[in-house]
Amino acid sequence: MNMNSKTPPPLVGSLLTVIGAGHTGLGVVDWLTKDQPTELSFWFTGFGVAGMALGVAVMEVERARGYVPGPVLAAVAAMTAFGLAFEPMSGFLTVLVPLGIGVAGWAKRRSVRTVHRG
């Protein structure tokens, strides 16, 4: 990582990657211990890997722009709402943390742009 960067560290993408890694780990543990149905371990592992990929992609956007753009946040919000609608007490609750941080950064960026445009 370029230590001379003027953009903040990619916090939202990093958190999404960590959440995805946690889901992947849970899926592997479920599969190895056979405590849960195979479908559940597949769900955790598959979406964990997808979550890590999303996190890495978001990190790249954060590094390039210094914030997460609105359309990316909308996609993460839609994914989170979908997950919470089907499984309210699930790991999707953890995605609310990076989503909130991302929305705050996006709103701050928009307010700075508005002030500069006058």
PDB file of N, CA and C in Angstrom:
ATOM      1  N   MET A   1       0.843  -1.173   0.000  1.00  0.00           N
ATOM      2  CA  MET A   1       0.000   0.000   0.000  1.00  0.00           C
ATOM      3  C   MET A   1       0.888   1.235   0.000  1.00  0.00           C
ATOM      4  N   ASN A   2       0.504   2.219  -0.751  1.00  0.00           N
ATOM      5  CA  ASN A   2       1.251   3.467  -0.841  1.00  0.00           C
ATOM      6  C   ASN A   2       1.017   4.279   0.427  1.00  0.00           C
ATOM      7  N   MET A   3       2.063   4.446   1.209  1.00  0.00           N
ATOM      8  CA  MET A   3       1.924   5.172   2.475  1.00  0.00           C
ATOM      9  C   MET A   3       1.798   6.678   2.263  1.00  0.00           C
ATOM     10  N   ASN A   4       2.064   7.161   1.048  1.00  0.00           N
ATOM     11  CA  ASN A   4       1.945   8.582   0.754  1.00  0.00           C
ATOM     12  C   ASN A   4       0.562   8.936   0.213  1.00  0.00           C
ATOM     13  N   SER A   5      -0.348   7.994   0.227  1.00  0.00           N
ATOM     14  CA  SER A   5      -1.683   8.204  -0.316  1.00  0.00           C
ATOM     15  C   SER A   5      -2.415   9.295   0.456  1.00  0.00           C
ATOM     16  N   LYS A   6      -3.218  10.066  -0.275  1.00  0.00           N
ATOM     17  CA  LYS A   6      -4.034  11.105   0.363  1.00  0.00           C
ATOM     18  C   LYS A   6      -5.420  10.582   0.718  1.00  0.00           C
ATOM     19  N   THR A   7      -5.696   9.345   0.356  1.00  0.00           N
ATOM     20  CA  THR A   7      -6.988   8.758   0.688  1.00  0.00           C
ATOM     21  C   THR A   7      -6.859   7.955   1.981  1.00  0.00           C
ATOM     22  N   PRO A   8      -7.952   7.873   2.747  1.00  0.00           N
ATOM     23  CA  PRO A   8      -7.905   7.096   3.998  1.00  0.00           C
ATOM     24  C   PRO A   8      -7.774   5.603   3.697  1.00  0.00           C
ATOM     25  N   PRO A   9      -7.382   4.815   4.672  1.00  0.00           N
ATOM     26  CA  PRO A   9      -7.302   3.363   4.462  1.00  0.00           C
ATOM     27  C   PRO A   9      -8.675   2.818   4.070  1.00  0.00           C
ATOM     28  N   PRO A  10      -8.716   1.773   3.257  1.00  0.00           N
ATOM     29  CA  PRO A  10      -9.990   1.226   2.769  1.00  0.00           C
ATOM     30  C   PRO A  10     -10.725   0.423   3.845  1.00  0.00           C
ATOM     31  N   LEU A  11     -11.368   1.115   4.762  1.00  0.00           N
ATOM     32  CA  LEU A  11     -12.001   0.481   5.916  1.00  0.00           C
ATOM     33  C   LEU A  11     -13.223  -0.362   5.545  1.00  0.00           C
ATOM     34  N   VAL A  12     -14.086   0.156   4.682  1.00  0.00           N
ATOM     35  CA  VAL A  12     -15.317  -0.570   4.326  1.00  0.00           C
ATOM     36  C   VAL A  12     -14.974  -1.884   3.639  1.00  0.00           C
ATOM     37  N   GLY A  13     -14.104  -1.826   2.640  1.00  0.00           N
ATOM     38  CA  GLY A  13     -13.701  -3.045   1.933  1.00  0.00           C
ATOM     39  C   GLY A  13     -12.996  -4.030   2.845  1.00  0.00           C
ATOM     40  N   SER A  14     -12.171  -3.514   3.736  1.00  0.00           N
ATOM     41  CA  SER A  14     -11.464  -4.389   4.680  1.00  0.00           C
ATOM     42  C   SER A  14     -12.447  -5.113   5.595  1.00  0.00           C
ATOM     43  N   LEU A  15     -13.437  -4.391   6.099  1.00  0.00           N
ATOM     44  CA  LEU A  15     -14.438  -5.017   6.970  1.00  0.00           C
ATOM     45  C   LEU A  15     -15.261  -6.064   6.218  1.00  0.00           C
ATOM     46  N   LEU A  16     -15.639  -5.762   4.973  1.00  0.00           N
ATOM     47  CA  LEU A  16     -16.382  -6.742   4.175  1.00  0.00           C
ATOM     48  C   LEU A  16     -15.540  -7.992   3.934  1.00  0.00           C
ATOM     49  N   THR A  17     -14.244  -7.809   3.705  1.00  0.00           N
ATOM     50  CA  THR A  17     -13.351  -8.947   3.493  1.00  0.00           C
ATOM     51  C   THR A  17     -13.238  -9.792   4.760  1.00  0.00           C
ATOM     52  N   VAL A  18     -13.118  -9.144   5.907  1.00  0.00           N
ATOM     53  CA  VAL A  18     -13.031  -9.874   7.181  1.00  0.00           C
ATOM     54  C   VAL A  18     -14.328 -10.636   7.456  1.00  0.00           C
ATOM     55  N   ILE A  19     -15.469 -10.007   7.203  1.00  0.00           N
ATOM     56  CA  ILE A  19     -16.760 -10.681   7.395  1.00  0.00           C
ATOM     57  C   ILE A  19     -16.861 -11.884   6.463  1.00  0.00           C
ATOM     58  N   GLY A  20     -16.443 -11.718   5.213  1.00  0.00           N
ATOM     59  CA  GLY A  20     -16.445 -12.835   4.265  1.00  0.00           C
ATOM     60  C   GLY A  20     -15.527 -13.959   4.708  1.00  0.00           C
ATOM     61  N   ALA A  21     -14.353 -13.605   5.226  1.00  0.00           N
ATOM     62  CA  ALA A  21     -13.419 -14.627   5.714  1.00  0.00           C
ATOM     63  C   ALA A  21     -14.017 -15.384   6.900  1.00  0.00           C
ATOM     64  N   GLY A  22     -14.707 -14.656   7.769  1.00  0.00           N
ATOM     65  CA  GLY A  22     -15.366 -15.309   8.901  1.00  0.00           C
ATOM     66  C   GLY A  22     -16.427 -16.298   8.447  1.00  0.00           C
ATOM     67  N   HIS A  23     -17.213 -15.902   7.457  1.00  0.00           N
ATOM     68  CA  HIS A  23     -18.235 -16.807   6.927  1.00  0.00           C
ATOM     69  C   HIS A  23     -17.596 -18.030   6.275  1.00  0.00           C
ATOM     70  N   THR A  24     -16.514 -17.816   5.553  1.00  0.00           N
ATOM     71  CA  THR A  24     -15.825 -18.940   4.924  1.00  0.00           C
ATOM     72  C   THR A  24     -15.307 -19.897   5.992  1.00  0.00           C
ATOM     73  N   GLY A  25     -14.709 -19.344   7.032  1.00  0.00           N
ATOM     74  CA  GLY A  25     -14.214 -20.183   8.125  1.00  0.00           C
ATOM     75  C   GLY A  25     -15.327 -20.976   8.789  1.00  0.00           C
ATOM     76  N   LEU A  26     -16.468 -20.329   9.032  1.00  0.00           N
ATOM     77  CA  LEU A  26     -17.609 -21.038   9.624  1.00  0.00           C
ATOM     78  C   LEU A  26     -18.089 -22.170   8.720  1.00  0.00           C
ATOM     79  N   GLY A  27     -18.114 -21.903   7.423  1.00  0.00           N
ATOM     80  CA  GLY A  27     -18.538 -22.939   6.484  1.00  0.00           C
ATOM     81  C   GLY A  27     -17.619 -24.141   6.503  1.00  0.00           C
ATOM     82  N   VAL A  28     -16.331 -23.893   6.542  1.00  0.00           N
ATOM     83  CA  VAL A  28     -15.359 -24.991   6.575  1.00  0.00           C
ATOM     84  C   VAL A  28     -15.474 -25.768   7.888  1.00  0.00           C
ATOM     85  N   VAL A  29     -15.605 -25.052   9.002  1.00  0.00           N
ATOM     86  CA  VAL A  29     -15.747 -25.725  10.305  1.00  0.00           C
ATOM     87  C   VAL A  29     -17.030 -26.554  10.336  1.00  0.00           C
ATOM     88  N   ASP A  30     -18.132 -25.995   9.843  1.00  0.00           N
ATOM     89  CA  ASP A  30     -19.390 -26.752   9.792  1.00  0.00           C
ATOM     90  C   ASP A  30     -19.236 -28.017   8.964  1.00  0.00           C
ATOM     91  N   TRP A  31     -18.528 -27.899   7.849  1.00  0.00           N
ATOM     92  CA  TRP A  31     -18.340 -29.050   6.964  1.00  0.00           C
ATOM     93  C   TRP A  31     -17.466 -30.111   7.634  1.00  0.00           C
ATOM     94  N   LEU A  32     -16.379 -29.675   8.280  1.00  0.00           N
ATOM     95  CA  LEU A  32     -15.463 -30.626   8.918  1.00  0.00           C
ATOM     96  C   LEU A  32     -16.088 -31.320  10.121  1.00  0.00           C
ATOM     97  N   THR A  33     -16.848 -30.587  10.918  1.00  0.00           N
ATOM     98  CA  THR A  33     -17.441 -31.178  12.125  1.00  0.00           C
ATOM     99  C   THR A  33     -18.747 -31.903  11.832  1.00  0.00           C
ATOM    100  N   LYS A  34     -19.330 -31.639  10.701  1.00  0.00           N
ATOM    101  CA  LYS A  34     -20.605 -32.246  10.295  1.00  0.00           C
ATOM    102  C   LYS A  34     -21.707 -31.984  11.326  1.00  0.00           C
ATOM    103  N   ASP A  35     -21.597 -30.837  12.033  1.00  0.00           N
ATOM    104  CA  ASP A  35     -22.619 -30.453  13.011  1.00  0.00           C
ATOM    105  C   ASP A  35     -23.890 -29.938  12.338  1.00  0.00           C
ATOM    106  N   GLN A  36     -23.751 -29.406  11.143  1.00  0.00           N
ATOM    107  CA  GLN A  36     -24.866 -28.797  10.419  1.00  0.00           C
ATOM    108  C   GLN A  36     -25.038 -29.511   9.079  1.00  0.00           C
ATOM    109  N   PRO A  37     -26.194 -29.326   8.439  1.00  0.00           N
ATOM    110  CA  PRO A  37     -26.380 -29.909   7.109  1.00  0.00           C
ATOM    111  C   PRO A  37     -25.339 -29.372   6.117  1.00  0.00           C
ATOM    112  N   THR A  38     -24.999 -30.181   5.141  1.00  0.00           N
ATOM    113  CA  THR A  38     -24.002 -29.802   4.133  1.00  0.00           C
ATOM    114  C   THR A  38     -24.409 -28.530   3.407  1.00  0.00           C
ATOM    115  N   GLU A  39     -25.706 -28.340   3.189  1.00  0.00           N
ATOM    116  CA  GLU A  39     -26.179 -27.146   2.495  1.00  0.00           C
ATOM    117  C   GLU A  39     -25.788 -25.876   3.248  1.00  0.00           C
ATOM    118  N   LEU A  40     -25.840 -25.928   4.563  1.00  0.00           N
ATOM    119  CA  LEU A  40     -25.485 -24.759   5.364  1.00  0.00           C
ATOM    120  C   LEU A  40     -24.000 -24.437   5.236  1.00  0.00           C
ATOM    121  N   SER A  41     -23.151 -25.455   5.258  1.00  0.00           N
ATOM    122  CA  SER A  41     -21.715 -25.197   5.105  1.00  0.00           C
ATOM    123  C   SER A  41     -21.420 -24.669   3.706  1.00  0.00           C
ATOM    124  N   PHE A  42     -22.141 -25.166   2.704  1.00  0.00           N
ATOM    125  CA  PHE A  42     -21.965 -24.647   1.345  1.00  0.00           C
ATOM    126  C   PHE A  42     -22.378 -23.177   1.279  1.00  0.00           C
ATOM    127  N   TRP A  43     -23.502 -22.838   1.917  1.00  0.00           N
ATOM    128  CA  TRP A  43     -23.998 -21.461   1.944  1.00  0.00           C
ATOM    129  C   TRP A  43     -22.968 -20.533   2.582  1.00  0.00           C
ATOM    130  N   PHE A  44     -22.486 -20.901   3.752  1.00  0.00           N
ATOM    131  CA  PHE A  44     -21.502 -20.070   4.448  1.00  0.00           C
ATOM    132  C   PHE A  44     -20.221 -19.923   3.627  1.00  0.00           C
ATOM    133  N   THR A  45     -19.723 -21.029   3.095  1.00  0.00           N
ATOM    134  CA  THR A  45     -18.463 -20.981   2.349  1.00  0.00           C
ATOM    135  C   THR A  45     -18.625 -20.200   1.054  1.00  0.00           C
ATOM    136  N   GLY A  46     -19.676 -20.493   0.304  1.00  0.00           N
ATOM    137  CA  GLY A  46     -19.890 -19.813  -0.978  1.00  0.00           C
ATOM    138  C   GLY A  46     -20.065 -18.314  -0.829  1.00  0.00           C
ATOM    139  N   PHE A  47     -20.911 -17.923   0.093  1.00  0.00           N
ATOM    140  CA  PHE A  47     -21.127 -16.489   0.281  1.00  0.00           C
ATOM    141  C   PHE A  47     -19.972 -15.828   1.015  1.00  0.00           C
ATOM    142  N   GLY A  48     -19.216 -16.593   1.771  1.00  0.00           N
ATOM    143  CA  GLY A  48     -18.009 -16.050   2.382  1.00  0.00           C
ATOM    144  C   GLY A  48     -16.972 -15.688   1.334  1.00  0.00           C
ATOM    145  N   VAL A  49     -16.776 -16.587   0.378  1.00  0.00           N
ATOM    146  CA  VAL A  49     -15.831 -16.311  -0.713  1.00  0.00           C
ATOM    147  C   VAL A  49     -16.322 -15.128  -1.543  1.00  0.00           C
ATOM    148  N   ALA A  50     -17.625 -15.091  -1.835  1.00  0.00           N
ATOM    149  CA  ALA A  50     -18.182 -13.955  -2.584  1.00  0.00           C
ATOM    150  C   ALA A  50     -18.032 -12.656  -1.787  1.00  0.00           C
ATOM    151  N   GLY A  51     -18.222 -12.726  -0.477  1.00  0.00           N
ATOM    152  CA  GLY A  51     -18.051 -11.544   0.377  1.00  0.00           C
ATOM    153  C   GLY A  51     -16.620 -11.041   0.375  1.00  0.00           C
ATOM    154  N   MET A  52     -15.665 -11.974   0.389  1.00  0.00           N
ATOM    155  CA  MET A  52     -14.259 -11.558   0.327  1.00  0.00           C
ATOM    156  C   MET A  52     -13.951 -10.897  -1.014  1.00  0.00           C
ATOM    157  N   ALA A  53     -14.491 -11.460  -2.100  1.00  0.00           N
ATOM    158  CA  ALA A  53     -14.278 -10.863  -3.422  1.00  0.00           C
ATOM    159  C   ALA A  53     -14.887  -9.462  -3.483  1.00  0.00           C
ATOM    160  N   LEU A  54     -16.084  -9.308  -2.950  1.00  0.00           N
ATOM    161  CA  LEU A  54     -16.716  -7.990  -2.895  1.00  0.00           C
ATOM    162  C   LEU A  54     -15.867  -7.032  -2.070  1.00  0.00           C
ATOM    163  N   GLY A  55     -15.369  -7.493  -0.942  1.00  0.00           N
ATOM    164  CA  GLY A  55     -14.538  -6.650  -0.088  1.00  0.00           C
ATOM    165  C   GLY A  55     -13.278  -6.171  -0.788  1.00  0.00           C
ATOM    166  N   VAL A  56     -12.616  -7.063  -1.514  1.00  0.00           N
ATOM    167  CA  VAL A  56     -11.399  -6.682  -2.245  1.00  0.00           C
ATOM    168  C   VAL A  56     -11.736  -5.661  -3.332  1.00  0.00           C
ATOM    169  N   ALA A  57     -12.847  -5.869  -4.032  1.00  0.00           N
ATOM    170  CA  ALA A  57     -13.256  -4.915  -5.068  1.00  0.00           C
ATOM    171  C   ALA A  57     -13.568  -3.549  -4.459  1.00  0.00           C
ATOM    172  N   VAL A  58     -14.259  -3.540  -3.333  1.00  0.00           N
ATOM    173  CA  VAL A  58     -14.586  -2.279  -2.664  1.00  0.00           C
ATOM    174  C   VAL A  58     -13.310  -1.596  -2.172  1.00  0.00           C
ATOM    175  N   MET A  59     -12.336  -2.374  -1.693  1.00  0.00           N
ATOM    176  CA  MET A  59     -11.059  -1.776  -1.268  1.00  0.00           C
ATOM    177  C   MET A  59     -10.391  -1.033  -2.419  1.00  0.00           C
ATOM    178  N   GLU A  60     -10.421  -1.610  -3.606  1.00  0.00           N
ATOM    179  CA  GLU A  60      -9.810  -0.959  -4.767  1.00  0.00           C
ATOM    180  C   GLU A  60     -10.511   0.360  -5.093  1.00  0.00           C
ATOM    181  N   VAL A  61     -11.834   0.357  -5.026  1.00  0.00           N
ATOM    182  CA  VAL A  61     -12.588   1.590  -5.283  1.00  0.00           C
ATOM    183  C   VAL A  61     -12.291   2.626  -4.200  1.00  0.00           C
ATOM    184  N   GLU A  62     -12.243   2.188  -2.954  1.00  0.00           N
ATOM    185  CA  GLU A  62     -11.933   3.114  -1.848  1.00  0.00           C
ATOM    186  C   GLU A  62     -10.547   3.727  -2.013  1.00  0.00           C
ATOM    187  N   ARG A  63      -9.578   2.910  -2.428  1.00  0.00           N
ATOM    188  CA  ARG A  63      -8.224   3.438  -2.621  1.00  0.00           C
ATOM    189  C   ARG A  63      -8.195   4.454  -3.752  1.00  0.00           C
ATOM    190  N   ALA A  64      -8.930   4.171  -4.810  1.00  0.00           N
ATOM    191  CA  ALA A  64      -8.914   5.053  -5.983  1.00  0.00           C
ATOM    192  C   ALA A  64      -9.659   6.360  -5.726  1.00  0.00           C
ATOM    193  N   ARG A  65     -10.784   6.295  -5.042  1.00  0.00           N
ATOM    194  CA  ARG A  65     -11.634   7.479  -4.867  1.00  0.00           C
ATOM    195  C   ARG A  65     -11.550   8.118  -3.490  1.00  0.00           C
ATOM    196  N   GLY A  66     -11.166   7.340  -2.503  1.00  0.00           N
ATOM    197  CA  GLY A  66     -11.133   7.854  -1.141  1.00  0.00           C
ATOM    198  C   GLY A  66     -12.442   7.655  -0.398  1.00  0.00           C
ATOM    199  N   TYR A  67     -13.425   7.086  -1.058  1.00  0.00           N
ATOM    200  CA  TYR A  67     -14.733   6.795  -0.456  1.00  0.00           C
ATOM    201  C   TYR A  67     -15.405   5.725  -1.302  1.00  0.00           C
ATOM    202  N   VAL A  68     -16.502   5.174  -0.809  1.00  0.00           N
ATOM    203  CA  VAL A  68     -17.264   4.182  -1.565  1.00  0.00           C
ATOM    204  C   VAL A  68     -18.412   4.909  -2.254  1.00  0.00           C
ATOM    205  N   PRO A  69     -18.514   4.805  -3.592  1.00  0.00           N
ATOM    206  CA  PRO A  69     -19.577   5.511  -4.317  1.00  0.00           C
ATOM    207  C   PRO A  69     -20.981   5.002  -3.958  1.00  0.00           C
ATOM    208  N   GLY A  70     -21.955   5.869  -4.151  1.00  0.00           N
ATOM    209  CA  GLY A  70     -23.349   5.560  -3.847  1.00  0.00           C
ATOM    210  C   GLY A  70     -23.876   4.278  -4.471  1.00  0.00           C
ATOM    211  N   PRO A  71     -23.639   4.026  -5.771  1.00  0.00           N
ATOM    212  CA  PRO A  71     -24.164   2.791  -6.365  1.00  0.00           C
ATOM    213  C   PRO A  71     -23.609   1.516  -5.719  1.00  0.00           C
ATOM    214  N   VAL A  72     -22.359   1.546  -5.304  1.00  0.00           N
ATOM    215  CA  VAL A  72     -21.776   0.382  -4.626  1.00  0.00           C
ATOM    216  C   VAL A  72     -22.435   0.206  -3.259  1.00  0.00           C
ATOM    217  N   LEU A  73     -22.623   1.310  -2.547  1.00  0.00           N
ATOM    218  CA  LEU A  73     -23.303   1.242  -1.249  1.00  0.00           C
ATOM    219  C   LEU A  73     -24.741   0.753  -1.409  1.00  0.00           C
ATOM    220  N   ALA A  74     -25.408   1.180  -2.475  1.00  0.00           N
ATOM    221  CA  ALA A  74     -26.781   0.728  -2.727  1.00  0.00           C
ATOM    222  C   ALA A  74     -26.817  -0.780  -2.963  1.00  0.00           C
ATOM    223  N   ALA A  75     -25.835  -1.300  -3.691  1.00  0.00           N
ATOM    224  CA  ALA A  75     -25.773  -2.744  -3.936  1.00  0.00           C
ATOM    225  C   ALA A  75     -25.535  -3.505  -2.630  1.00  0.00           C
ATOM    226  N   VAL A  76     -24.639  -3.010  -1.790  1.00  0.00           N
ATOM    227  CA  VAL A  76     -24.378  -3.652  -0.496  1.00  0.00           C
ATOM    228  C   VAL A  76     -25.628  -3.566   0.385  1.00  0.00           C
ATOM    229  N   ALA A  77     -26.318  -2.430   0.359  1.00  0.00           N
ATOM    230  CA  ALA A  77     -27.545  -2.272   1.143  1.00  0.00           C
ATOM    231  C   ALA A  77     -28.630  -3.236   0.661  1.00  0.00           C
ATOM    232  N   ALA A  78     -28.767  -3.396  -0.653  1.00  0.00           N
ATOM    233  CA  ALA A  78     -29.768  -4.320  -1.199  1.00  0.00           C
ATOM    234  C   ALA A  78     -29.446  -5.759  -0.794  1.00  0.00           C
ATOM    235  N   MET A  79     -28.169  -6.128  -0.879  1.00  0.00           N
ATOM    236  CA  MET A  79     -27.755  -7.470  -0.482  1.00  0.00           C
ATOM    237  C   MET A  79     -28.049  -7.698   1.006  1.00  0.00           C
ATOM    238  N   THR A  80     -27.764  -6.702   1.810  1.00  0.00           N
ATOM    239  CA  THR A  80     -27.992  -6.807   3.251  1.00  0.00           C
ATOM    240  C   THR A  80     -29.486  -6.911   3.555  1.00  0.00           C
ATOM    241  N   ALA A  81     -30.294  -6.083   2.915  1.00  0.00           N
ATOM    242  CA  ALA A  81     -31.747  -6.118   3.127  1.00  0.00           C
ATOM    243  C   ALA A  81     -32.322  -7.472   2.713  1.00  0.00           C
ATOM    244  N   PHE A  82     -31.857  -8.003   1.597  1.00  0.00           N
ATOM    245  CA  PHE A  82     -32.302  -9.310   1.118  1.00  0.00           C
ATOM    246  C   PHE A  82     -31.961 -10.387   2.145  1.00  0.00           C
ATOM    247  N   GLY A  83     -30.730 -10.362   2.621  1.00  0.00           N
ATOM    248  CA  GLY A  83     -30.310 -11.356   3.606  1.00  0.00           C
ATOM    249  C   GLY A  83     -31.080 -11.247   4.906  1.00  0.00           C
ATOM    250  N   LEU A  84     -31.284 -10.018   5.376  1.00  0.00           N
ATOM    251  CA  LEU A  84     -32.016  -9.819   6.631  1.00  0.00           C
ATOM    252  C   LEU A  84     -33.492 -10.175   6.496  1.00  0.00           C
ATOM    253  N   ALA A  85     -34.061  -9.991   5.300  1.00  0.00           N
ATOM    254  CA  ALA A  85     -35.463 -10.346   5.085  1.00  0.00           C
ATOM    255  C   ALA A  85     -35.673 -11.856   5.231  1.00  0.00           C
ATOM    256  N   PHE A  86     -34.693 -12.635   4.780  1.00  0.00           N
ATOM    257  CA  PHE A  86     -34.826 -14.090   4.844  1.00  0.00           C
ATOM    258  C   PHE A  86     -34.283 -14.693   6.135  1.00  0.00           C
ATOM    259  N   GLU A  87     -33.309 -14.038   6.734  1.00  0.00           N
ATOM    260  CA  GLU A  87     -32.702 -14.555   7.966  1.00  0.00           C
ATOM    261  C   GLU A  87     -32.350 -13.381   8.870  1.00  0.00           C
ATOM    262  N   PRO A  88     -33.356 -12.848   9.599  1.00  0.00           N
ATOM    263  CA  PRO A  88     -33.149 -11.616  10.375  1.00  0.00           C
ATOM    264  C   PRO A  88     -32.000 -11.675  11.389  1.00  0.00           C
ATOM    265  N   MET A  89     -31.819 -12.776  12.063  1.00  0.00           N
ATOM    266  CA  MET A  89     -30.745 -12.882  13.054  1.00  0.00           C
ATOM    267  C   MET A  89     -29.574 -13.664  12.453  1.00  0.00           C
ATOM    268  N   SER A  90     -28.924 -13.052  11.478  1.00  0.00           N
ATOM    269  CA  SER A  90     -27.842 -13.744  10.780  1.00  0.00           C
ATOM    270  C   SER A  90     -26.612 -12.854  10.701  1.00  0.00           C
ATOM    271  N   GLY A  91     -25.612 -13.352  10.011  1.00  0.00           N
ATOM    272  CA  GLY A  91     -24.385 -12.593   9.803  1.00  0.00           C
ATOM    273  C   GLY A  91     -24.588 -11.341   8.982  1.00  0.00           C
ATOM    274  N   PHE A  92     -25.725 -11.226   8.332  1.00  0.00           N
ATOM    275  CA  PHE A  92     -25.981 -10.009   7.559  1.00  0.00           C
ATOM    276  C   PHE A  92     -26.047  -8.780   8.463  1.00  0.00           C
ATOM    277  N   LEU A  93     -26.339  -8.982   9.727  1.00  0.00           N
ATOM    278  CA  LEU A  93     -26.322  -7.860  10.674  1.00  0.00           C
ATOM    279  C   LEU A  93     -24.937  -7.228  10.750  1.00  0.00           C
ATOM    280  N   THR A  94     -23.890  -8.043  10.623  1.00  0.00           N
ATOM    281  CA  THR A  94     -22.528  -7.506  10.705  1.00  0.00           C
ATOM    282  C   THR A  94     -22.211  -6.584   9.536  1.00  0.00           C
ATOM    283  N   VAL A  95     -22.886  -6.776   8.410  1.00  0.00           N
ATOM    284  CA  VAL A  95     -22.633  -5.944   7.228  1.00  0.00           C
ATOM    285  C   VAL A  95     -23.157  -4.522   7.442  1.00  0.00           C
ATOM    286  N   LEU A  96     -24.025  -4.334   8.423  1.00  0.00           N
ATOM    287  CA  LEU A  96     -24.517  -2.986   8.711  1.00  0.00           C
ATOM    288  C   LEU A  96     -23.394  -2.060   9.181  1.00  0.00           C
ATOM    289  N   VAL A  97     -22.351  -2.611   9.802  1.00  0.00           N
ATOM    290  CA  VAL A  97     -21.235  -1.783  10.282  1.00  0.00           C
ATOM    291  C   VAL A  97     -20.461  -1.167   9.113  1.00  0.00           C
ATOM    292  N   PRO A  98     -19.915  -1.979   8.172  1.00  0.00           N
ATOM    293  CA  PRO A  98     -19.218  -1.340   7.049  1.00  0.00           C
ATOM    294  C   PRO A  98     -20.153  -0.498   6.181  1.00  0.00           C
ATOM    295  N   LEU A  99     -21.415  -0.900   6.086  1.00  0.00           N
ATOM    296  CA  LEU A  99     -22.371  -0.114   5.309  1.00  0.00           C
ATOM    297  C   LEU A  99     -22.552   1.264   5.932  1.00  0.00           C
ATOM    298  N   GLY A 100     -22.709   1.319   7.242  1.00  0.00           N
ATOM    299  CA  GLY A 100     -22.846   2.606   7.934  1.00  0.00           C
ATOM    300  C   GLY A 100     -21.614   3.477   7.774  1.00  0.00           C
ATOM    301  N   ILE A 101     -20.436   2.873   7.890  1.00  0.00           N
ATOM    302  CA  ILE A 101     -19.185   3.622   7.705  1.00  0.00           C
ATOM    303  C   ILE A 101     -19.096   4.146   6.279  1.00  0.00           C
ATOM    304  N   GLY A 102     -19.480   3.307   5.324  1.00  0.00           N
ATOM    305  CA  GLY A 102     -19.442   3.719   3.921  1.00  0.00           C
ATOM    306  C   GLY A 102     -20.407   4.853   3.622  1.00  0.00           C
ATOM    307  N   VAL A 103     -21.610   4.771   4.156  1.00  0.00           N
ATOM    308  CA  VAL A 103     -22.600   5.840   3.945  1.00  0.00           C
ATOM    309  C   VAL A 103     -22.109   7.139   4.572  1.00  0.00           C
ATOM    310  N   ALA A 104     -21.509   7.059   5.757  1.00  0.00           N
ATOM    311  CA  ALA A 104     -20.980   8.269   6.406  1.00  0.00           C
ATOM    312  C   ALA A 104     -19.875   8.896   5.558  1.00  0.00           C
ATOM    313  N   GLY A 105     -18.975   8.082   5.020  1.00  0.00           N
ATOM    314  CA  GLY A 105     -17.906   8.601   4.164  1.00  0.00           C
ATOM    315  C   GLY A 105     -18.439   9.198   2.878  1.00  0.00           C
ATOM    316  N   TRP A 106     -19.442   8.548   2.298  1.00  0.00           N
ATOM    317  CA  TRP A 106     -20.048   9.043   1.063  1.00  0.00           C
ATOM    318  C   TRP A 106     -20.751  10.373   1.315  1.00  0.00           C
ATOM    319  N   ALA A 107     -21.500  10.452   2.428  1.00  0.00           N
ATOM    320  CA  ALA A 107     -22.216  11.691   2.757  1.00  0.00           C
ATOM    321  C   ALA A 107     -21.234  12.825   3.026  1.00  0.00           C
ATOM    322  N   LYS A 108     -20.154  12.531   3.712  1.00  0.00           N
ATOM    323  CA  LYS A 108     -19.131  13.546   3.983  1.00  0.00           C
ATOM    324  C   LYS A 108     -18.533  14.048   2.674  1.00  0.00           C
ATOM    325  N   ARG A 109     -18.256  13.141   1.769  1.00  0.00           N
ATOM    326  CA  ARG A 109     -17.687  13.507   0.468  1.00  0.00           C
ATOM    327  C   ARG A 109     -18.667  14.380  -0.316  1.00  0.00           C
ATOM    328  N   ARG A 110     -19.953  14.027  -0.277  1.00  0.00           N
ATOM    329  CA  ARG A 110     -20.964  14.818  -0.991  1.00  0.00           C
ATOM    330  C   ARG A 110     -21.081  16.215  -0.404  1.00  0.00           C
ATOM    331  N   SER A 111     -21.019  16.332   0.930  1.00  0.00           N
ATOM    332  CA  SER A 111     -21.141  17.654   1.549  1.00  0.00           C
ATOM    333  C   SER A 111     -19.923  18.511   1.237  1.00  0.00           C
ATOM    334  N   VAL A 112     -18.745  17.912   1.155  1.00  0.00           N
ATOM    335  CA  VAL A 112     -17.534  18.654   0.796  1.00  0.00           C
ATOM    336  C   VAL A 112     -17.629  19.134  -0.646  1.00  0.00           C
ATOM    337  N   ARG A 113     -18.122  18.278  -1.543  1.00  0.00           N
ATOM    338  CA  ARG A 113     -18.277  18.670  -2.950  1.00  0.00           C
ATOM    339  C   ARG A 113     -19.281  19.801  -3.086  1.00  0.00           C
ATOM    340  N   THR A 114     -20.373  19.762  -2.318  1.00  0.00           N
ATOM    341  CA  THR A 114     -21.395  20.802  -2.376  1.00  0.00           C
ATOM    342  C   THR A 114     -20.830  22.139  -1.911  1.00  0.00           C
ATOM    343  N   VAL A 115     -20.051  22.130  -0.850  1.00  0.00           N
ATOM    344  CA  VAL A 115     -19.451  23.360  -0.328  1.00  0.00           C
ATOM    345  C   VAL A 115     -18.487  23.949  -1.341  1.00  0.00           C
ATOM    346  N   HIS A 116     -17.679  23.111  -1.988  1.00  0.00           N
ATOM    347  CA  HIS A 116     -16.696  23.605  -2.949  1.00  0.00           C
ATOM    348  C   HIS A 116     -17.347  24.152  -4.222  1.00  0.00           C
ATOM    349  N   ARG A 117     -18.493  23.612  -4.596  1.00  0.00           N
ATOM    350  CA  ARG A 117     -19.172  24.096  -5.800  1.00  0.00           C
ATOM    351  C   ARG A 117     -19.858  25.431  -5.549  1.00  0.00           C
ATOM    352  N   GLY A 118     -20.202  25.664  -4.291  1.00  0.00           N
ATOM    353  CA  GLY A 118     -20.812  26.928  -3.885  1.00  0.00           C
ATOM    354  C   GLY A 118     -22.163  27.083  -4.404  1.00  0.00           C
TER     355      GLY A 118
END
